[in-house]
C-alpha atoms as a PDB file:
ATOM      1  CA  MET A   1      -6.304   5.714   8.262  1.00  0.00           C
ATOM      2  CA  ASP A   2      -7.455   2.170   8.443  1.00  0.00           C
ATOM      3  CA  ARG A   3      -4.879  -0.307   8.785  1.00  0.00           C
ATOM      4  CA  GLU A   4      -5.049  -4.176   8.330  1.00  0.00           C
ATOM      5  CA  ARG A   5      -2.298  -6.739   9.065  1.00  0.00           C
ATOM      6  CA  VAL A   6      -2.054 -10.128   6.885  1.00  0.00           C
ATOM      7  CA  ASP A   7       0.270 -13.046   7.348  1.00  0.00           C
ATOM      8  CA  SER A   8       0.764 -14.151   3.792  1.00  0.00           C
ATOM      9  CA  LEU A   9       0.572 -12.993   0.215  1.00  0.00           C
ATOM     10  CA  VAL A  10      -2.399 -14.984  -0.328  1.00  0.00           C
ATOM     11  CA  GLU A  11      -4.234 -13.230   2.586  1.00  0.00           C
ATOM     12  CA  LEU A  12      -3.160  -9.849   1.098  1.00  0.00           C
ATOM     13  CA  ALA A  13      -4.462 -10.578  -2.350  1.00  0.00           C
ATOM     14  CA  ALA A  14      -7.919 -12.118  -1.032  1.00  0.00           C
ATOM     15  CA  CYS A  15      -8.021  -8.725   1.244  1.00  0.00           C
ATOM     16  CA  ILE A  16      -7.608  -6.465  -2.006  1.00  0.00           C
ATOM     17  CA  ALA A  17      -9.825  -8.806  -4.208  1.00  0.00           C
ATOM     18  CA  GLY A  18     -12.688  -8.651  -1.706  1.00  0.00           C
ATOM     19  CA  GLU A  19     -12.589  -4.655  -1.902  1.00  0.00           C
ATOM     20  CA  ALA A  20     -12.156  -4.296  -5.617  1.00  0.00           C
ATOM     21  CA  ASP A  21     -15.540  -2.857  -6.541  1.00  0.00           C
ATOM     22  CA  VAL A  22     -14.691  -0.145  -3.932  1.00  0.00           C
ATOM     23  CA  ILE A  23     -11.197   0.478  -4.348  1.00  0.00           C
ATOM     24  CA  ASP A  24     -10.281   3.863  -6.120  1.00  0.00           C
ATOM     25  CA  ASP A  25      -6.660   4.103  -6.151  1.00  0.00           C
ATOM     26  CA  ILE A  26      -3.923   1.463  -5.147  1.00  0.00           C
ATOM     27  CA  ILE A  27      -0.313   1.493  -4.934  1.00  0.00           C
ATOM     28  CA  VAL A  28       1.607  -1.707  -3.896  1.00  0.00           C
ATOM     29  CA  LEU A  29       5.330  -1.373  -2.799  1.00  0.00           C
ATOM     30  CA  TYR A  30       7.432  -4.598  -2.587  1.00  0.00           C
ATOM     31  CA  THR A  31      10.641  -6.059  -2.835  1.00  0.00           C
ATOM     32  CA  ARG A  32      11.720  -9.622  -3.961  1.00  0.00           C
ATOM     33  CA  LYS A  33      14.099 -11.941  -2.319  1.00  0.00           C
ATOM     34  CA  GLY A  34      17.572 -11.951  -4.126  1.00  0.00           C
ATOM     35  CA  LYS A  35      16.382  -8.744  -6.453  1.00  0.00           C
ATOM     36  CA  PRO A  36      17.312  -5.471  -5.383  1.00  0.00           C
ATOM     37  CA  GLY A  37      15.207  -2.461  -5.792  1.00  0.00           C
ATOM     38  CA  ILE A  38      11.593  -1.647  -4.984  1.00  0.00           C
ATOM     39  CA  ARG A  39       8.873  -2.848  -7.415  1.00  0.00           C
ATOM     40  CA  VAL A  40       5.215  -1.361  -7.519  1.00  0.00           C
ATOM     41  CA  LEU A  41       2.173  -2.279  -8.813  1.00  0.00           C
ATOM     42  CA  GLU A  42      -0.567   0.170  -9.351  1.00  0.00           C
ATOM     43  CA  ASN A  43      -4.171   0.492 -11.081  1.00  0.00           C
ATOM     44  CA  GLY A  44      -3.043   3.575 -13.768  1.00  0.00           C
ATOM     45  CA  ILE A  45      -3.149   6.237 -11.081  1.00  0.00           C
ATOM     46  CA  THR A  46      -1.217   9.273 -11.825  1.00  0.00           C
ATOM     47  CA  ALA A  47       1.902  10.495 -10.388  1.00  0.00           C
ATOM     48  CA  ALA A  48       0.183  13.075  -8.152  1.00  0.00           C
ATOM     49  CA  GLU A  49      -2.019  10.015  -6.762  1.00  0.00           C
ATOM     50  CA  ALA A  50       0.844   8.149  -6.028  1.00  0.00           C
ATOM     51  CA  VAL A  51       2.778  10.837  -4.756  1.00  0.00           C
ATOM     52  CA  PHE A  52      -0.778  11.702  -2.313  1.00  0.00           C
ATOM     53  CA  LEU A  53      -0.855   7.872  -1.221  1.00  0.00           C
ATOM     54  CA  MET A  54       2.778   7.857  -0.348  1.00  0.00           C
ATOM     55  CA  GLU A  55       2.657  10.963   1.624  1.00  0.00           C
ATOM     56  CA  ALA A  56      -0.785   9.976   3.595  1.00  0.00           C
ATOM     57  CA  PHE A  57       0.656   7.044   4.483  1.00  0.00           C
ATOM     58  CA  LYS A  58       4.001   8.446   5.355  1.00  0.00           C
ATOM     59  CA  HIS A  59       2.135  10.976   7.849  1.00  0.00           C
ATOM     60  CA  ASP A  60       0.139   8.196   9.381  1.00  0.00           C
ATOM     61  CA  LEU A  61       3.522   6.407  10.133  1.00  0.00           C
ATOM     62  CA  LEU A  62       5.066   9.273  11.714  1.00  0.00           C
ATOM     63  CA  GLU A  63       2.026  10.268  13.524  1.00  0.00           C
ATOM     64  CA  LYS A  64       2.012   6.784  15.218  1.00  0.00           C
ATOM     65  CA  VAL A  65       5.929   7.194  16.029  1.00  0.00           C
ATOM     66  CA  ASN A  66       5.191  10.310  18.079  1.00  0.00           C
ATOM     67  CA  ASN A  67       1.747   8.891  19.571  1.00  0.00           C
ATOM     68  CA  PRO A  68       1.960   5.200  19.672  1.00  0.00           C
END
């Protein structure tokens, strides 16, 4: 999995916008200051596509824990 780190939300939005013509599915999980709960932005993906993206990301994170 390719990963990119950005230092600000503006940079994040610019990265996504720059790739907009080649992005198939996207899900963004975030929290807001002073407001409990997780929020999500997505582009109309199905529940199955969302689960696949989250599980693929979880697998990548766990792999990095075992092999830093």
